[in-house]
C-alpha atoms as a PDB file:
ATOM      1  CA  MET A   1     133.444 112.383 134.674  1.00  0.00           C
ATOM      2  CA  GLU A   2     129.863 112.385 135.941  1.00  0.00           C
ATOM      3  CA  LEU A   3     127.019 112.624 133.430  1.00  0.00           C
ATOM      4  CA  ASN A   4     124.086 114.821 134.373  1.00  0.00           C
ATOM      5  CA  ARG A   5     120.965 112.674 134.121  1.00  0.00           C
ATOM      6  CA  LYS A   6     118.729 115.759 133.918  1.00  0.00           C
ATOM      7  CA  GLU A   7     120.625 116.845 130.813  1.00  0.00           C
ATOM      8  CA  ILE A   8     120.230 113.398 129.271  1.00  0.00           C
ATOM      9  CA  TYR A   9     116.498 113.525 129.970  1.00  0.00           C
ATOM     10  CA  ARG A  10     116.373 117.008 128.421  1.00  0.00           C
ATOM     11  CA  TYR A  11     118.009 115.683 125.240  1.00  0.00           C
ATOM     12  CA  LEU A  12     115.338 112.970 125.223  1.00  0.00           C
ATOM     13  CA  GLY A  13     112.592 115.579 125.365  1.00  0.00           C
ATOM     14  CA  TYR A  14     111.700 115.435 129.063  1.00  0.00           C
ATOM     15  CA  LYS A  15     111.689 119.174 129.745  1.00  0.00           C
ATOM     16  CA  GLY A  16     111.724 119.460 133.513  1.00  0.00           C
ATOM     17  CA  LYS A  17     110.039 116.064 133.894  1.00  0.00           C
ATOM     18  CA  THR A  18     111.304 112.734 135.170  1.00  0.00           C
ATOM     19  CA  PRO A  19     110.848 109.774 132.798  1.00  0.00           C
ATOM     20  CA  ASP A  20     109.251 106.535 133.917  1.00  0.00           C
ATOM     21  CA  GLU A  21     111.277 103.736 135.465  1.00  0.00           C
ATOM     22  CA  THR A  22     111.715 101.878 132.179  1.00  0.00           C
ATOM     23  CA  ILE A  23     113.338 104.850 130.476  1.00  0.00           C
ATOM     24  CA  ALA A  24     115.401 105.698 133.563  1.00  0.00           C
ATOM     25  CA  GLN A  25     116.784 102.153 133.682  1.00  0.00           C
ATOM     26  CA  ALA A  26     117.510 102.228 129.940  1.00  0.00           C
ATOM     27  CA  VAL A  27     119.456 105.456 130.453  1.00  0.00           C
ATOM     28  CA  GLU A  28     121.496 103.897 133.276  1.00  0.00           C
ATOM     29  CA  SER A  29     122.299 100.901 131.094  1.00  0.00           C
ATOM     30  CA  ALA A  30     123.342 103.158 128.219  1.00  0.00           C
ATOM     31  CA  VAL A  31     125.526 105.329 130.481  1.00  0.00           C
ATOM     32  CA  SER A  32     127.269 102.208 131.775  1.00  0.00           C
ATOM     33  CA  GLU A  33     127.943 100.877 128.285  1.00  0.00           C
ATOM     34  CA  LEU A  34     128.965 104.270 126.970  1.00  0.00           C
ATOM     35  CA  THR A  35     131.428 104.750 129.833  1.00  0.00           C
ATOM     36  CA  ARG A  36     133.092 101.439 128.974  1.00  0.00           C
ATOM     37  CA  VAL A  37     133.707 102.252 125.306  1.00  0.00           C
ATOM     38  CA  MET A  38     134.378 105.991 125.149  1.00  0.00           C
ATOM     39  CA  LYS A  39     137.961 107.239 125.057  1.00  0.00           C
ATOM     40  CA  PRO A  40     137.685 111.025 125.412  1.00  0.00           C
ATOM     41  CA  LYS A  41     140.560 113.178 124.188  1.00  0.00           C
ATOM     42  CA  ALA A  42     141.009 116.920 123.810  1.00  0.00           C
ATOM     43  CA  VAL A  43     143.481 119.387 122.351  1.00  0.00           C
ATOM     44  CA  SER A  44     143.770 123.162 122.499  1.00  0.00           C
ATOM     45  CA  ARG A  45     145.982 125.892 121.082  1.00  0.00           C
ATOM     46  CA  PRO A  46     146.393 129.555 122.128  1.00  0.00           C
ATOM     47  CA  ILE A  47     145.332 132.099 119.509  1.00  0.00           C
ATOM     48  CA  ARG A  48     145.379 135.839 119.030  1.00  0.00           C
ATOM     49  CA  ILE A  49     141.955 137.324 118.264  1.00  0.00           C
ATOM     50  CA  THR A  50     141.512 140.506 116.243  1.00  0.00           C
ATOM     51  CA  ARG A  51     138.474 142.116 114.614  1.00  0.00           C
ATOM     52  CA  PRO A  52     139.918 144.159 111.730  1.00  0.00           C
ATOM     53  CA  GLU A  53     136.540 145.199 110.338  1.00  0.00           C
ATOM     54  CA  GLU A  54     132.859 144.778 111.070  1.00  0.00           C
ATOM     55  CA  ASN A  55     131.716 141.115 111.081  1.00  0.00           C
ATOM     56  CA  THR A  56     135.253 139.861 110.432  1.00  0.00           C
ATOM     57  CA  VAL A  57     137.337 137.999 113.013  1.00  0.00           C
ATOM     58  CA  CYS A  58     140.946 136.813 112.700  1.00  0.00           C
ATOM     59  CA  LEU A  59     141.885 133.747 114.747  1.00  0.00           C
ATOM     60  CA  ASP A  60     145.642 133.927 114.245  1.00  0.00           C
ATOM     61  CA  ASN A  61     145.781 133.561 110.437  1.00  0.00           C
ATOM     62  CA  ILE A  62     142.241 132.208 109.990  1.00  0.00           C
ATOM     63  CA  VAL A  63     139.943 134.937 108.701  1.00  0.00           C
ATOM     64  CA  VAL A  64     136.294 134.315 109.605  1.00  0.00           C
ATOM     65  CA  HIS A  65     133.400 136.320 108.190  1.00  0.00           C
ATOM     66  CA  SER A  66     130.663 135.952 110.797  1.00  0.00           C
ATOM     67  CA  LYS A  67     128.477 138.529 112.520  1.00  0.00           C
ATOM     68  CA  SER A  68     127.647 136.167 115.375  1.00  0.00           C
ATOM     69  CA  LEU A  69     131.287 135.267 116.122  1.00  0.00           C
ATOM     70  CA  TYR A  70     132.286 138.926 115.756  1.00  0.00           C
ATOM     71  CA  GLN A  71     129.726 139.908 118.394  1.00  0.00           C
ATOM     72  CA  HIS A  72     130.540 136.956 120.630  1.00  0.00           C
ATOM     73  CA  LEU A  73     134.239 137.881 120.815  1.00  0.00           C
ATOM     74  CA  ASP A  74     133.704 141.634 121.111  1.00  0.00           C
ATOM     75  CA  THR A  75     135.853 141.988 124.269  1.00  0.00           C
ATOM     76  CA  CYS A  76     138.429 139.295 123.436  1.00  0.00           C
ATOM     77  CA  ALA A  77     141.998 139.809 122.244  1.00  0.00           C
ATOM     78  CA  GLU A  78     143.132 136.248 122.846  1.00  0.00           C
ATOM     79  CA  GLY A  79     141.757 132.795 123.509  1.00  0.00           C
ATOM     80  CA  VAL A  80     142.147 129.191 122.426  1.00  0.00           C
ATOM     81  CA  LEU A  81     141.058 126.891 119.656  1.00  0.00           C
ATOM     82  CA  PHE A  82     139.674 123.730 121.201  1.00  0.00           C
ATOM     83  CA  ALA A  83     138.667 120.273 120.027  1.00  0.00           C
ATOM     84  CA  ALA A  84     137.417 117.183 121.829  1.00  0.00           C
ATOM     85  CA  THR A  85     136.102 113.759 120.911  1.00  0.00           C
ATOM     86  CA  LEU A  86     134.649 110.692 122.622  1.00  0.00           C
ATOM     87  CA  GLY A  87     136.404 108.398 120.141  1.00  0.00           C
ATOM     88  CA  ALA A  88     135.385 106.131 117.288  1.00  0.00           C
ATOM     89  CA  GLN A  89     133.957 103.337 119.449  1.00  0.00           C
ATOM     90  CA  VAL A  90     131.045 105.551 120.496  1.00  0.00           C
ATOM     91  CA  ASP A  91     130.075 106.078 116.852  1.00  0.00           C
ATOM     92  CA  LEU A  92     130.253 102.333 116.217  1.00  0.00           C
ATOM     93  CA  LEU A  93     128.011 101.652 119.203  1.00  0.00           C
ATOM     94  CA  ILE A  94     125.391 104.174 118.089  1.00  0.00           C
ATOM     95  CA  HIS A  95     125.470 102.896 114.498  1.00  0.00           C
ATOM     96  CA  ARG A  96     125.032  99.344 115.793  1.00  0.00           C
ATOM     97  CA  TYR A  97     121.897 100.297 117.715  1.00  0.00           C
ATOM     98  CA  ASN A  98     120.588 102.287 114.737  1.00  0.00           C
ATOM     99  CA  VAL A  99     120.361  98.919 113.000  1.00  0.00           C
ATOM    100  CA  LEU A 100     119.347  96.697 115.934  1.00  0.00           C
ATOM    101  CA  ASP A 101     117.186  98.857 118.193  1.00  0.00           C
ATOM    102  CA  MET A 102     116.222 102.421 117.276  1.00  0.00           C
ATOM    103  CA  SER A 103     114.909 103.245 120.764  1.00  0.00           C
ATOM    104  CA  LYS A 104     118.277 102.310 122.267  1.00  0.00           C
ATOM    105  CA  ALA A 105     120.015 104.346 119.579  1.00  0.00           C
ATOM    106  CA  VAL A 106     118.034 107.444 120.593  1.00  0.00           C
ATOM    107  CA  ILE A 107     118.998 106.957 124.246  1.00  0.00           C
ATOM    108  CA  PHE A 108     122.653 106.422 123.357  1.00  0.00           C
ATOM    109  CA  GLN A 109     122.592 109.576 121.250  1.00  0.00           C
ATOM    110  CA  ALA A 110     121.306 111.541 124.246  1.00  0.00           C
ATOM    111  CA  CYS A 111     123.860 110.023 126.616  1.00  0.00           C
ATOM    112  CA  ALA A 112     126.712 110.685 124.184  1.00  0.00           C
ATOM    113  CA  ALA A 113     125.563 114.274 123.651  1.00  0.00           C
ATOM    114  CA  GLU A 114     125.736 114.873 127.405  1.00  0.00           C
ATOM    115  CA  ALA A 115     129.073 113.015 127.631  1.00  0.00           C
ATOM    116  CA  ILE A 116     130.844 115.195 125.074  1.00  0.00           C
ATOM    117  CA  GLU A 117     129.501 118.373 126.700  1.00  0.00           C
ATOM    118  CA  ALA A 118     130.518 117.174 130.174  1.00  0.00           C
ATOM    119  CA  PHE A 119     133.982 116.276 128.906  1.00  0.00           C
ATOM    120  CA  CYS A 120     134.401 119.681 127.251  1.00  0.00           C
ATOM    121  CA  ASP A 121     133.329 121.405 130.480  1.00  0.00           C
ATOM    122  CA  GLN A 122     135.845 119.317 132.412  1.00  0.00           C
ATOM    123  CA  GLU A 123     138.660 120.139 129.998  1.00  0.00           C
ATOM    124  CA  GLN A 124     137.809 123.830 130.220  1.00  0.00           C
ATOM    125  CA  ASP A 125     138.858 123.853 133.881  1.00  0.00           C
ATOM    126  CA  ALA A 126     142.533 124.032 132.864  1.00  0.00           C
ATOM    127  CA  ILE A 127     141.765 126.646 130.215  1.00  0.00           C
ATOM    128  CA  GLU A 128     139.884 128.689 132.800  1.00  0.00           C
ATOM    129  CA  GLN A 129     142.894 128.588 135.124  1.00  0.00           C
ATOM    130  CA  GLU A 130     145.098 129.822 132.284  1.00  0.00           C
ATOM    131  CA  ALA A 131     142.734 132.730 131.665  1.00  0.00           C
ATOM    132  CA  HIS A 132     142.507 133.592 135.363  1.00  0.00           C
ATOM    133  CA  SER A 133     146.293 133.701 135.604  1.00  0.00           C
ATOM    134  CA  LYS A 134     146.091 136.637 133.177  1.00  0.00           C
ATOM    135  CA  GLY A 135     143.181 138.297 134.971  1.00  0.00           C
ATOM    136  CA  LEU A 136     140.779 137.159 132.243  1.00  0.00           C
ATOM    137  CA  TYR A 137     137.562 135.153 132.019  1.00  0.00           C
ATOM    138  CA  LEU A 138     136.155 132.684 129.516  1.00  0.00           C
ATOM    139  CA  ARG A 139     133.440 133.255 126.971  1.00  0.00           C
ATOM    140  CA  PRO A 140     131.319 130.177 126.123  1.00  0.00           C
ATOM    141  CA  ARG A 141     132.551 127.766 123.473  1.00  0.00           C
ATOM    142  CA  PHE A 142     131.521 128.910 120.007  1.00  0.00           C
ATOM    143  CA  SER A 143     131.612 126.188 117.366  1.00  0.00           C
ATOM    144  CA  PRO A 144     131.398 126.111 113.577  1.00  0.00           C
ATOM    145  CA  GLY A 145     127.719 125.676 112.794  1.00  0.00           C
ATOM    146  CA  TYR A 146     126.562 128.187 115.438  1.00  0.00           C
ATOM    147  CA  GLY A 147     124.854 131.262 114.029  1.00  0.00           C
ATOM    148  CA  ASP A 148     126.523 132.296 110.792  1.00  0.00           C
ATOM    149  CA  PHE A 149     129.885 130.654 111.617  1.00  0.00           C
ATOM    150  CA  PRO A 150     129.924 128.095 108.772  1.00  0.00           C
ATOM    151  CA  LEU A 151     130.983 124.471 109.116  1.00  0.00           C
ATOM    152  CA  GLN A 152     133.473 125.028 106.296  1.00  0.00           C
ATOM    153  CA  TYR A 153     135.898 126.553 108.817  1.00  0.00           C
ATOM    154  CA  GLN A 154     136.508 123.028 110.140  1.00  0.00           C
ATOM    155  CA  ARG A 155     138.877 122.786 107.165  1.00  0.00           C
ATOM    156  CA  GLU A 156     141.165 125.378 108.754  1.00  0.00           C
ATOM    157  CA  LEU A 157     140.613 124.750 112.456  1.00  0.00           C
ATOM    158  CA  LEU A 158     141.450 121.043 112.416  1.00  0.00           C
ATOM    159  CA  PRO A 159     144.873 121.372 110.730  1.00  0.00           C
ATOM    160  CA  LEU A 160     145.823 124.275 113.006  1.00  0.00           C
ATOM    161  CA  LEU A 161     145.096 122.031 116.000  1.00  0.00           C
ATOM    162  CA  ASP A 162     146.831 119.035 114.349  1.00  0.00           C
ATOM    163  CA  ALA A 163     143.659 117.278 115.468  1.00  0.00           C
ATOM    164  CA  GLN A 164     143.959 114.156 113.324  1.00  0.00           C
ATOM    165  CA  ARG A 165     147.368 113.218 114.693  1.00  0.00           C
ATOM    166  CA  ARG A 166     146.761 114.313 118.267  1.00  0.00           C
ATOM    167  CA  ILE A 167     143.229 113.051 118.968  1.00  0.00           C
ATOM    168  CA  GLY A 168     142.142 111.197 115.808  1.00  0.00           C
ATOM    169  CA  LEU A 169     139.643 113.868 114.747  1.00  0.00           C
ATOM    170  CA  THR A 170     138.962 114.465 111.047  1.00  0.00           C
ATOM    171  CA  ARG A 171     136.076 115.679 108.884  1.00  0.00           C
ATOM    172  CA  THR A 172     133.987 114.507 105.959  1.00  0.00           C
ATOM    173  CA  ASP A 173     133.832 116.251 102.586  1.00  0.00           C
ATOM    174  CA  SER A 174     130.723 118.044 103.885  1.00  0.00           C
ATOM    175  CA  ASP A 175     132.702 119.270 106.943  1.00  0.00           C
ATOM    176  CA  MET A 176     131.002 117.044 109.516  1.00  0.00           C
ATOM    177  CA  LEU A 177     133.315 115.823 112.263  1.00  0.00           C
ATOM    178  CA  VAL A 178     134.532 112.228 112.447  1.00  0.00           C
ATOM    179  CA  PRO A 179     134.035 110.734 115.026  1.00  0.00           C
ATOM    180  CA  GLU A 180     130.573 112.294 115.179  1.00  0.00           C
ATOM    181  CA  LYS A 181     130.535 112.824 118.949  1.00  0.00           C
ATOM    182  CA  SER A 182     133.178 115.512 118.760  1.00  0.00           C
ATOM    183  CA  VAL A 183     133.422 119.275 119.142  1.00  0.00           C
ATOM    184  CA  THR A 184     135.589 122.045 117.769  1.00  0.00           C
ATOM    185  CA  ALA A 185     135.257 125.522 119.208  1.00  0.00           C
ATOM    186  CA  VAL A 186     136.693 128.964 119.748  1.00  0.00           C
ATOM    187  CA  ILE A 187     136.950 130.032 123.386  1.00  0.00           C
ATOM    188  CA  GLY A 188     137.617 133.718 123.894  1.00  0.00           C
ATOM    189  CA  PHE A 189     139.344 135.266 126.918  1.00  0.00           C
ATOM    190  CA  THR A 190     137.691 138.466 128.103  1.00  0.00           C
ATOM    191  CA  PRO A 191     138.563 141.048 130.786  1.00  0.00           C
ATOM    192  CA  VAL A 192     134.836 141.331 131.539  1.00  0.00           C
ATOM    193  CA  ALA A 193     133.987 139.287 134.641  1.00  0.00           C
ATOM    194  CA  THR A 194     131.611 136.478 133.702  1.00  0.00           C
ATOM    195  CA  SER A 195     130.734 132.975 134.836  1.00  0.00           C
ATOM    196  CA  CYS A 196     128.426 132.031 131.972  1.00  0.00           C
ATOM    197  CA  HIS A 197     130.797 129.692 130.142  1.00  0.00           C
ATOM    198  CA  ILE A 198     129.707 126.436 131.794  1.00  0.00           C
ATOM    199  CA  SER A 199     126.140 125.390 132.619  1.00  0.00           C
ATOM    200  CA  ARG A 200     124.981 128.810 133.797  1.00  0.00           C
ATOM    201  CA  CYS A 201     122.186 129.361 131.304  1.00  0.00           C
ATOM    202  CA  MET A 202     119.316 128.838 133.687  1.00  0.00           C
ATOM    203  CA  THR A 203     120.471 131.687 135.939  1.00  0.00           C
ATOM    204  CA  CYS A 204     121.743 134.041 133.254  1.00  0.00           C
ATOM    205  CA  LYS A 205     119.478 136.997 132.487  1.00  0.00           C
ATOM    206  CA  ALA A 206     120.615 137.377 128.869  1.00  0.00           C
ATOM    207  CA  LYS A 207     117.511 135.878 127.282  1.00  0.00           C
ATOM    208  CA  ASN A 208     118.697 136.566 123.727  1.00  0.00           C
ATOM    209  CA  CYS A 209     121.914 134.553 124.183  1.00  0.00           C
ATOM    210  CA  PRO A 210     122.249 131.752 121.571  1.00  0.00           C
ATOM    211  CA  PHE A 211     123.516 129.372 124.294  1.00  0.00           C
ATOM    212  CA  ARG A 212     120.489 129.729 126.554  1.00  0.00           C
ATOM    213  CA  LYS A 213     118.648 126.513 127.299  1.00  0.00           C
ATOM    214  CA  ASP A 214     114.903 126.178 127.177  1.00  0.00           C
END
């Protein structure tokens, strides 16, 4: 899995600019250390998607009240629930540098953010093939916390995925994921031809899309 340095720099605030040599070397060191400790895992489960009434979506038996998810899945009748994590060692590394060296902690945060996104994109390749076998296309990942899709739905998504047993992913009482560098998401399958589900934001013309990058 290759990490996109431009994305790491973007997370660090370098919008379209290249950092100086000191920062670039610090990023390379962090990527190397991160690669040694992370143990990425993912799990997915097919779901049926229905929209029984306005701003209400059913993901199998999970009923979600969300205008943004309702609109996002407007052409989808099926899809998958998805979860991925980089593993607990990444959290421990970041917490260590939060105490010892805050500048390193910031760089590790950026590298880990790119790592979990890159891993999710990689894992979506198999999901994309599944969709294509049915003549369908993927919509972008839509996670609890996006728009008006509340974090509280982690309480239902994680058990349905059996995420704790299968990839060691749990949540706190405030519905934050543990390990922190983790993702849960709904991925809809649509008959509408699209290629916007992975890293296409800079060429997409939908400027009001919530996934669009700066």
